[in-house]
Amino acid sequence: MPRNAPRPTVLPAPPRSTARDRPTLLLTGGSGVLGRALIDELAPDYDLLCLRRTRPLHDPRVREIEGDLLAPRLGLDAGAWYELALRVDVVLHSAAQTNWRTPPQEIVRTNTLGAETMLDLAARADAPLYLVSTAFVANTPSEEDQERFPGAAAYLASKSRAEQLMRDAGVPGAIVRPSVVMGHSSTGHIAGQQGLTKTIGAMVLGQVPVLPGAPEARVDMIPQDYVTRALGDLIRGGVGSGEYWLTAGGQAPALSEIADTCAEFAVRHGLPRPLRPRLIPVEAVHRLLLPMLEGTSLPASVRQRFQHYAELLLVFQRELPFDSSLGTPHCGTRLTRADLRAALVRNLESWAADRPGVLSRHRAHAAAASATEVA
């Protein structure tokens, strides 16, 4: 676990009533990218209740509760709220507003009110709460970043507030901080296309001529199954206190390594080798590049794409590695650099398998361009 962290409290196993032989876990965010994988991890050991607002999960392993995370008592009447508190043994709060295009005040409202509601339920249920935060609360956006990227800044601020709410509440459980969650380490599959997936796919296609950041800057990423295994271990182990960094730590790859992996993947799949993106120091991005893009006649899609890459990387890259709790008692398995590189390749393979038409068109375009040059 991170340096100077206190030893975690281990809770006694939750009492089991005669009516059921497994503890009941309430999961929020079950329809999200991480939530689907959490269901796979936890279903063998828990009766799962999943909170949903509108979109059904259609998963026979869970029972769904329709409710509003932002409403008092989830929008339930007093009797149903009381019954829910009696039933729940463990709360896992994974739901969050992660769309940075949402108005900043809505991001903060959703992520703080949601945490307050689940803390209230956990206290009433006398149940531990496991709060999924983000490792990037350790990053403090500059004033320029906050002005240019208000959605990302609001997201980080809301996660920090949710963590403080949990500390102040004194509810047993743990705060877990994953870094950038990528697809499964073996299959590369992920339930939804994340910013990381879009970025590495564009790098394979040679659509990223420049990136903000120094070559030695690291992008900490972790396969989703490492995150869910660590969370499952913490919950099954009855860990009742502490803050856990689910990160690659010192094994996190540099931007230049990621670019090289994407280029090698492109060549293996019959695409032209993309040029390594030119890495531009962060201060130059703010001072020169972003203002220049705003005043050019480049297509709006190109400007928006670079703005998206800049937002991701300026928030998520680090020169110094995170601490990592992976591999400590009750906290999953530590990653090696070879594990991460293999997982990145499998994520690229999954991305490519979902887009055969895109790759075919790029191969055809490259072949046509080569024929023209020869002629």
Foldseek 3Di string as FASTA:
>chain_A
DDPPWDDFDFDDDFDDDPVDDAAEEEEEPLLPFLNVVLCVLCLVGHAYEYEDAPDDPPDPSHHYDHFQLLDALRPDPPVVSLVVLCRHAEYEYDDAPPPLVPPLVVRLSGLQSSLVRVLVSCVSSLHAYEYEAAPLLVPQDDPLLCVLRVSVNSNSVSSVNSVVVCVVSPRWYEYEHEYAEFEALPQRDTSDDDLVLVVLLCLLLQNAQAAEDDQLWFFKYDYSNLVSQQVSLRVVRRGTYYYFYATLFPLTDGLQVSSVLSQVLSVVLQFHRHDRHHYHYNVCCSVPVLVVLVPDPPDPVSNVNRSSRHSCCSSRIGNHTDDHPDPPRSGGHHDHNVSVSSSSSSNVVVSCVVCVPVSVVRNVVVVVVVVVVVD
